[in-house]
Amino acid sequence: MREKTTITHEDFLELSSDIAEAIVVNRIGNLDLVWVKGEDGVYNFTEEAQDIFNENLDTIQQCFRNQFTIINQ
């Protein structure tokens, strides 16, 4: 069995979030259905996009946990 590659917790979060976001954009397609501007001027996912993001993030992070050793730095 091969040794797992080590990544930092920060990289783990950033990479898994980037992949989940890319899946959301790919699945929904229309960016107006992905992002909504809040009253504070900050863009957030629409409710549908957030649901898709959360579902995929869990799966992606579990795959990463199986393949990588995640360390705090």
PDB file of N, CA and C in Angstrom:
ATOM      1  N   MET A   1       0.840  -1.176   0.000  1.00  0.00           N
ATOM      2  CA  MET A   1       0.000   0.000   0.000  1.00  0.00           C
ATOM      3  C   MET A   1       0.890   1.246   0.000  1.00  0.00           C
ATOM      4  N   ARG A   2       0.533   2.220  -0.804  1.00  0.00           N
ATOM      5  CA  ARG A   2       1.340   3.428  -0.915  1.00  0.00           C
ATOM      6  C   ARG A   2       1.085   4.366   0.255  1.00  0.00           C
ATOM      7  N   GLU A   3       2.067   5.205   0.507  1.00  0.00           N
ATOM      8  CA  GLU A   3       1.945   6.202   1.554  1.00  0.00           C
ATOM      9  C   GLU A   3       1.063   7.342   1.058  1.00  0.00           C
ATOM     10  N   LYS A   4       0.221   7.863   1.947  1.00  0.00           N
ATOM     11  CA  LYS A   4      -0.645   8.973   1.568  1.00  0.00           C
ATOM     12  C   LYS A   4       0.163  10.262   1.440  1.00  0.00           C
ATOM     13  N   THR A   5      -0.214  11.070   0.474  1.00  0.00           N
ATOM     14  CA  THR A   5       0.361  12.389   0.325  1.00  0.00           C
ATOM     15  C   THR A   5      -0.172  13.291   1.440  1.00  0.00           C
ATOM     16  N   THR A   6       0.677  14.155   1.955  1.00  0.00           N
ATOM     17  CA  THR A   6       0.281  15.052   3.035  1.00  0.00           C
ATOM     18  C   THR A   6      -0.088  16.417   2.459  1.00  0.00           C
ATOM     19  N   ILE A   7      -1.217  16.961   2.915  1.00  0.00           N
ATOM     20  CA  ILE A   7      -1.607  18.323   2.558  1.00  0.00           C
ATOM     21  C   ILE A   7      -2.024  19.045   3.838  1.00  0.00           C
ATOM     22  N   THR A   8      -1.927  20.363   3.794  1.00  0.00           N
ATOM     23  CA  THR A   8      -2.333  21.141   4.964  1.00  0.00           C
ATOM     24  C   THR A   8      -3.858  21.229   5.026  1.00  0.00           C
ATOM     25  N   HIS A   9      -4.355  21.481   6.212  1.00  0.00           N
ATOM     26  CA  HIS A   9      -5.802  21.638   6.399  1.00  0.00           C
ATOM     27  C   HIS A   9      -6.318  22.806   5.560  1.00  0.00           C
ATOM     28  N   GLU A  10      -5.529  23.877   5.491  1.00  0.00           N
ATOM     29  CA  GLU A  10      -5.905  25.035   4.682  1.00  0.00           C
ATOM     30  C   GLU A  10      -6.055  24.646   3.205  1.00  0.00           C
ATOM     31  N   ASP A  11      -5.088  23.898   2.673  1.00  0.00           N
ATOM     32  CA  ASP A  11      -5.166  23.443   1.279  1.00  0.00           C
ATOM     33  C   ASP A  11      -6.337  22.494   1.071  1.00  0.00           C
ATOM     34  N   PHE A  12      -6.582  21.618   2.042  1.00  0.00           N
ATOM     35  CA  PHE A  12      -7.709  20.688   2.004  1.00  0.00           C
ATOM     36  C   PHE A  12      -9.017  21.460   1.843  1.00  0.00           C
ATOM     37  N   LEU A  13      -9.213  22.491   2.673  1.00  0.00           N
ATOM     38  CA  LEU A  13     -10.446  23.277   2.622  1.00  0.00           C
ATOM     39  C   LEU A  13     -10.564  24.059   1.318  1.00  0.00           C
ATOM     40  N   GLU A  14      -9.458  24.682   0.909  1.00  0.00           N
ATOM     41  CA  GLU A  14      -9.490  25.490  -0.304  1.00  0.00           C
ATOM     42  C   GLU A  14      -9.749  24.632  -1.544  1.00  0.00           C
ATOM     43  N   LEU A  15      -9.048  23.537  -1.664  1.00  0.00           N
ATOM     44  CA  LEU A  15      -9.205  22.673  -2.834  1.00  0.00           C
ATOM     45  C   LEU A  15     -10.590  22.039  -2.886  1.00  0.00           C
ATOM     46  N   SER A  16     -11.064  21.525  -1.767  1.00  0.00           N
ATOM     47  CA  SER A  16     -12.384  20.889  -1.761  1.00  0.00           C
ATOM     48  C   SER A  16     -13.483  21.910  -2.051  1.00  0.00           C
ATOM     49  N   SER A  17     -13.350  23.121  -1.534  1.00  0.00           N
ATOM     50  CA  SER A  17     -14.337  24.173  -1.802  1.00  0.00           C
ATOM     51  C   SER A  17     -14.306  24.610  -3.264  1.00  0.00           C
ATOM     52  N   ASP A  18     -13.110  24.744  -3.827  1.00  0.00           N
ATOM     53  CA  ASP A  18     -12.988  25.136  -5.237  1.00  0.00           C
ATOM     54  C   ASP A  18     -13.634  24.103  -6.153  1.00  0.00           C
ATOM     55  N   ILE A  19     -13.416  22.835  -5.863  1.00  0.00           N
ATOM     56  CA  ILE A  19     -14.007  21.776  -6.691  1.00  0.00           C
ATOM     57  C   ILE A  19     -15.527  21.767  -6.545  1.00  0.00           C
ATOM     58  N   ALA A  20     -16.021  21.889  -5.315  1.00  0.00           N
ATOM     59  CA  ALA A  20     -17.468  21.913  -5.092  1.00  0.00           C
ATOM     60  C   ALA A  20     -18.107  23.109  -5.796  1.00  0.00           C
ATOM     61  N   GLU A  21     -17.444  24.268  -5.740  1.00  0.00           N
ATOM     62  CA  GLU A  21     -17.959  25.455  -6.427  1.00  0.00           C
ATOM     63  C   GLU A  21     -17.988  25.238  -7.941  1.00  0.00           C
ATOM     64  N   ALA A  22     -16.950  24.641  -8.490  1.00  0.00           N
ATOM     65  CA  ALA A  22     -16.908  24.368  -9.936  1.00  0.00           C
ATOM     66  C   ALA A  22     -18.045  23.429 -10.343  1.00  0.00           C
ATOM     67  N   ILE A  23     -18.349  22.456  -9.506  1.00  0.00           N
ATOM     68  CA  ILE A  23     -19.462  21.537  -9.797  1.00  0.00           C
ATOM     69  C   ILE A  23     -20.783  22.298  -9.806  1.00  0.00           C
ATOM     70  N   VAL A  24     -20.976  23.202  -8.837  1.00  0.00           N
ATOM     71  CA  VAL A  24     -22.199  24.006  -8.771  1.00  0.00           C
ATOM     72  C   VAL A  24     -22.362  24.817 -10.053  1.00  0.00           C
ATOM     73  N   VAL A  25     -21.324  25.538 -10.432  1.00  0.00           N
ATOM     74  CA  VAL A  25     -21.393  26.382 -11.626  1.00  0.00           C
ATOM     75  C   VAL A  25     -21.644  25.535 -12.867  1.00  0.00           C
ATOM     76  N   ASN A  26     -20.992  24.387 -12.947  1.00  0.00           N
ATOM     77  CA  ASN A  26     -21.172  23.490 -14.088  1.00  0.00           C
ATOM     78  C   ASN A  26     -22.595  22.932 -14.137  1.00  0.00           C
ATOM     79  N   ARG A  27     -23.112  22.550 -12.994  1.00  0.00           N
ATOM     80  CA  ARG A  27     -24.441  21.929 -12.960  1.00  0.00           C
ATOM     81  C   ARG A  27     -25.548  22.938 -13.250  1.00  0.00           C
ATOM     82  N   ILE A  28     -25.469  24.121 -12.646  1.00  0.00           N
ATOM     83  CA  ILE A  28     -26.528  25.117 -12.823  1.00  0.00           C
ATOM     84  C   ILE A  28     -26.339  25.890 -14.120  1.00  0.00           C
ATOM     85  N   GLY A  29     -25.102  26.217 -14.435  1.00  0.00           N
ATOM     86  CA  GLY A  29     -24.796  26.879 -15.703  1.00  0.00           C
ATOM     87  C   GLY A  29     -24.959  28.381 -15.678  1.00  0.00           C
ATOM     88  N   ASN A  30     -26.135  28.878 -15.425  1.00  0.00           N
ATOM     89  CA  ASN A  30     -26.423  30.307 -15.449  1.00  0.00           C
ATOM     90  C   ASN A  30     -25.945  30.940 -14.143  1.00  0.00           C
ATOM     91  N   LEU A  31     -24.949  31.819 -14.234  1.00  0.00           N
ATOM     92  CA  LEU A  31     -24.373  32.422 -13.026  1.00  0.00           C
ATOM     93  C   LEU A  31     -25.391  33.234 -12.230  1.00  0.00           C
ATOM     94  N   ASP A  32     -26.440  33.748 -12.896  1.00  0.00           N
ATOM     95  CA  ASP A  32     -27.488  34.471 -12.179  1.00  0.00           C
ATOM     96  C   ASP A  32     -28.278  33.545 -11.262  1.00  0.00           C
ATOM     97  N   LEU A  33     -28.234  32.242 -11.531  1.00  0.00           N
ATOM     98  CA  LEU A  33     -28.918  31.261 -10.686  1.00  0.00           C
ATOM     99  C   LEU A  33     -27.972  30.672  -9.639  1.00  0.00           C
ATOM    100  N   VAL A  34     -26.693  31.036  -9.741  1.00  0.00           N
ATOM    101  CA  VAL A  34     -25.692  30.542  -8.785  1.00  0.00           C
ATOM    102  C   VAL A  34     -25.463  31.573  -7.683  1.00  0.00           C
ATOM    103  N   TRP A  35     -25.349  32.841  -8.058  1.00  0.00           N
ATOM    104  CA  TRP A  35     -24.969  33.899  -7.112  1.00  0.00           C
ATOM    105  C   TRP A  35     -26.093  34.892  -6.894  1.00  0.00           C
ATOM    106  N   VAL A  36     -26.203  35.378  -5.673  1.00  0.00           N
ATOM    107  CA  VAL A  36     -27.154  36.434  -5.330  1.00  0.00           C
ATOM    108  C   VAL A  36     -26.404  37.451  -4.468  1.00  0.00           C
ATOM    109  N   LYS A  37     -26.661  38.730  -4.741  1.00  0.00           N
ATOM    110  CA  LYS A  37     -26.005  39.792  -3.981  1.00  0.00           C
ATOM    111  C   LYS A  37     -26.858  40.110  -2.754  1.00  0.00           C
ATOM    112  N   GLY A  38     -26.240  39.994  -1.582  1.00  0.00           N
ATOM    113  CA  GLY A  38     -26.944  40.265  -0.338  1.00  0.00           C
ATOM    114  C   GLY A  38     -27.054  41.748  -0.064  1.00  0.00           C
ATOM    115  N   GLU A  39     -27.811  42.079   0.973  1.00  0.00           N
ATOM    116  CA  GLU A  39     -28.001  43.479   1.356  1.00  0.00           C
ATOM    117  C   GLU A  39     -26.683  44.147   1.747  1.00  0.00           C
ATOM    118  N   ASP A  40     -25.741  43.333   2.202  1.00  0.00           N
ATOM    119  CA  ASP A  40     -24.426  43.856   2.601  1.00  0.00           C
ATOM    120  C   ASP A  40     -23.481  44.023   1.422  1.00  0.00           C
ATOM    121  N   GLY A  41     -23.971  43.711   0.207  1.00  0.00           N
ATOM    122  CA  GLY A  41     -23.164  43.860  -0.993  1.00  0.00           C
ATOM    123  C   GLY A  41     -22.279  42.663  -1.308  1.00  0.00           C
ATOM    124  N   VAL A  42     -22.344  41.642  -0.471  1.00  0.00           N
ATOM    125  CA  VAL A  42     -21.521  40.445  -0.654  1.00  0.00           C
ATOM    126  C   VAL A  42     -22.322  39.412  -1.461  1.00  0.00           C
ATOM    127  N   TYR A  43     -21.647  38.777  -2.418  1.00  0.00           N
ATOM    128  CA  TYR A  43     -22.295  37.732  -3.212  1.00  0.00           C
ATOM    129  C   TYR A  43     -22.226  36.404  -2.465  1.00  0.00           C
ATOM    130  N   ASN A  44     -23.353  35.716  -2.450  1.00  0.00           N
ATOM    131  CA  ASN A  44     -23.464  34.398  -1.836  1.00  0.00           C
ATOM    132  C   ASN A  44     -24.162  33.466  -2.807  1.00  0.00           C
ATOM    133  N   PHE A  45     -24.058  32.172  -2.533  1.00  0.00           N
ATOM    134  CA  PHE A  45     -24.802  31.206  -3.334  1.00  0.00           C
ATOM    135  C   PHE A  45     -26.299  31.407  -3.148  1.00  0.00           C
ATOM    136  N   THR A  46     -27.059  31.131  -4.211  1.00  0.00           N
ATOM    137  CA  THR A  46     -28.505  31.033  -4.056  1.00  0.00           C
ATOM    138  C   THR A  46     -28.783  29.798  -3.196  1.00  0.00           C
ATOM    139  N   GLU A  47     -30.003  29.641  -2.747  1.00  0.00           N
ATOM    140  CA  GLU A  47     -30.352  28.498  -1.901  1.00  0.00           C
ATOM    141  C   GLU A  47     -30.090  27.176  -2.631  1.00  0.00           C
ATOM    142  N   GLU A  48     -30.492  27.104  -3.899  1.00  0.00           N
ATOM    143  CA  GLU A  48     -30.270  25.884  -4.686  1.00  0.00           C
ATOM    144  C   GLU A  48     -28.774  25.597  -4.838  1.00  0.00           C
ATOM    145  N   ALA A  49     -28.015  26.639  -5.149  1.00  0.00           N
ATOM    146  CA  ALA A  49     -26.568  26.476  -5.332  1.00  0.00           C
ATOM    147  C   ALA A  49     -25.907  26.038  -4.023  1.00  0.00           C
ATOM    148  N   GLN A  50     -26.338  26.606  -2.905  1.00  0.00           N
ATOM    149  CA  GLN A  50     -25.771  26.234  -1.610  1.00  0.00           C
ATOM    150  C   GLN A  50     -26.036  24.777  -1.294  1.00  0.00           C
ATOM    151  N   ASP A  51     -27.245  24.307  -1.615  1.00  0.00           N
ATOM    152  CA  ASP A  51     -27.586  22.890  -1.391  1.00  0.00           C
ATOM    153  C   ASP A  51     -26.680  21.973  -2.205  1.00  0.00           C
ATOM    154  N   ILE A  52     -26.475  22.304  -3.474  1.00  0.00           N
ATOM    155  CA  ILE A  52     -25.612  21.492  -4.337  1.00  0.00           C
ATOM    156  C   ILE A  52     -24.174  21.532  -3.832  1.00  0.00           C
ATOM    157  N   PHE A  53     -23.722  22.714  -3.435  1.00  0.00           N
ATOM    158  CA  PHE A  53     -22.368  22.867  -2.901  1.00  0.00           C
ATOM    159  C   PHE A  53     -22.178  21.973  -1.677  1.00  0.00           C
ATOM    160  N   ASN A  54     -23.100  22.052  -0.730  1.00  0.00           N
ATOM    161  CA  ASN A  54     -22.982  21.265   0.505  1.00  0.00           C
ATOM    162  C   ASN A  54     -22.962  19.766   0.235  1.00  0.00           C
ATOM    163  N   GLU A  55     -23.836  19.309  -0.645  1.00  0.00           N
ATOM    164  CA  GLU A  55     -23.890  17.882  -0.982  1.00  0.00           C
ATOM    165  C   GLU A  55     -22.560  17.415  -1.569  1.00  0.00           C
ATOM    166  N   ASN A  56     -22.017  18.189  -2.474  1.00  0.00           N
ATOM    167  CA  ASN A  56     -20.772  17.803  -3.128  1.00  0.00           C
ATOM    168  C   ASN A  56     -19.561  17.975  -2.230  1.00  0.00           C
ATOM    169  N   LEU A  57     -19.552  19.001  -1.405  1.00  0.00           N
ATOM    170  CA  LEU A  57     -18.421  19.237  -0.520  1.00  0.00           C
ATOM    171  C   LEU A  57     -18.207  18.046   0.410  1.00  0.00           C
ATOM    172  N   ASP A  58     -19.279  17.505   0.962  1.00  0.00           N
ATOM    173  CA  ASP A  58     -19.153  16.341   1.850  1.00  0.00           C
ATOM    174  C   ASP A  58     -18.492  15.162   1.139  1.00  0.00           C
ATOM    175  N   THR A  59     -18.925  14.895  -0.074  1.00  0.00           N
ATOM    176  CA  THR A  59     -18.382  13.775  -0.842  1.00  0.00           C
ATOM    177  C   THR A  59     -16.911  14.011  -1.193  1.00  0.00           C
ATOM    178  N   ILE A  60     -16.602  15.212  -1.646  1.00  0.00           N
ATOM    179  CA  ILE A  60     -15.225  15.552  -2.024  1.00  0.00           C
ATOM    180  C   ILE A  60     -14.300  15.443  -0.823  1.00  0.00           C
ATOM    181  N   GLN A  61     -14.723  15.996   0.300  1.00  0.00           N
ATOM    182  CA  GLN A  61     -13.875  15.960   1.483  1.00  0.00           C
ATOM    183  C   GLN A  61     -13.666  14.540   1.990  1.00  0.00           C
ATOM    184  N   GLN A  62     -14.671  13.698   1.882  1.00  0.00           N
ATOM    185  CA  GLN A  62     -14.485  12.309   2.294  1.00  0.00           C
ATOM    186  C   GLN A  62     -13.478  11.600   1.381  1.00  0.00           C
ATOM    187  N   CYS A  63     -13.547  11.864   0.100  1.00  0.00           N
ATOM    188  CA  CYS A  63     -12.568  11.284  -0.834  1.00  0.00           C
ATOM    189  C   CYS A  63     -11.156  11.759  -0.490  1.00  0.00           C
ATOM    190  N   PHE A  64     -11.015  13.034  -0.195  1.00  0.00           N
ATOM    191  CA  PHE A  64      -9.699  13.565   0.171  1.00  0.00           C
ATOM    192  C   PHE A  64      -9.187  12.939   1.460  1.00  0.00           C
ATOM    193  N   ARG A  65     -10.074  12.766   2.435  1.00  0.00           N
ATOM    194  CA  ARG A  65      -9.650  12.140   3.697  1.00  0.00           C
ATOM    195  C   ARG A  65      -9.146  10.719   3.462  1.00  0.00           C
ATOM    196  N   ASN A  66      -9.742  10.047   2.491  1.00  0.00           N
ATOM    197  CA  ASN A  66      -9.319   8.680   2.163  1.00  0.00           C
ATOM    198  C   ASN A  66      -7.971   8.649   1.446  1.00  0.00           C
ATOM    199  N   GLN A  67      -7.641   9.715   0.731  1.00  0.00           N
ATOM    200  CA  GLN A  67      -6.451   9.726  -0.107  1.00  0.00           C
ATOM    201  C   GLN A  67      -5.269  10.500   0.474  1.00  0.00           C
ATOM    202  N   PHE A  68      -5.544  11.457   1.350  1.00  0.00           N
ATOM    203  CA  PHE A  68      -4.500  12.343   1.856  1.00  0.00           C
ATOM    204  C   PHE A  68      -4.407  12.284   3.376  1.00  0.00           C
ATOM    205  N   THR A  69      -3.219  12.583   3.883  1.00  0.00           N
ATOM    206  CA  THR A  69      -3.034  12.862   5.297  1.00  0.00           C
ATOM    207  C   THR A  69      -3.128  14.366   5.442  1.00  0.00           C
ATOM    208  N   ILE A  70      -4.076  14.839   6.246  1.00  0.00           N
ATOM    209  CA  ILE A  70      -4.318  16.258   6.392  1.00  0.00           C
ATOM    210  C   ILE A  70      -3.719  16.717   7.715  1.00  0.00           C
ATOM    211  N   ILE A  71      -2.877  17.737   7.617  1.00  0.00           N
ATOM    212  CA  ILE A  71      -2.177  18.216   8.814  1.00  0.00           C
ATOM    213  C   ILE A  71      -2.512  19.689   9.082  1.00  0.00           C
ATOM    214  N   ASN A  72      -2.471  20.076  10.328  1.00  0.00           N
ATOM    215  CA  ASN A  72      -2.597  21.501  10.705  1.00  0.00           C
ATOM    216  C   ASN A  72      -1.236  22.141  10.612  1.00  0.00           C
ATOM    217  N   GLN A  73      -1.221  23.372  10.173  1.00  0.00           N
ATOM    218  CA  GLN A  73       0.062  24.060  10.068  1.00  0.00           C
ATOM    219  C   GLN A  73      -0.024  25.450  10.568  1.00  0.00           C
TER     220      GLN A  73
END
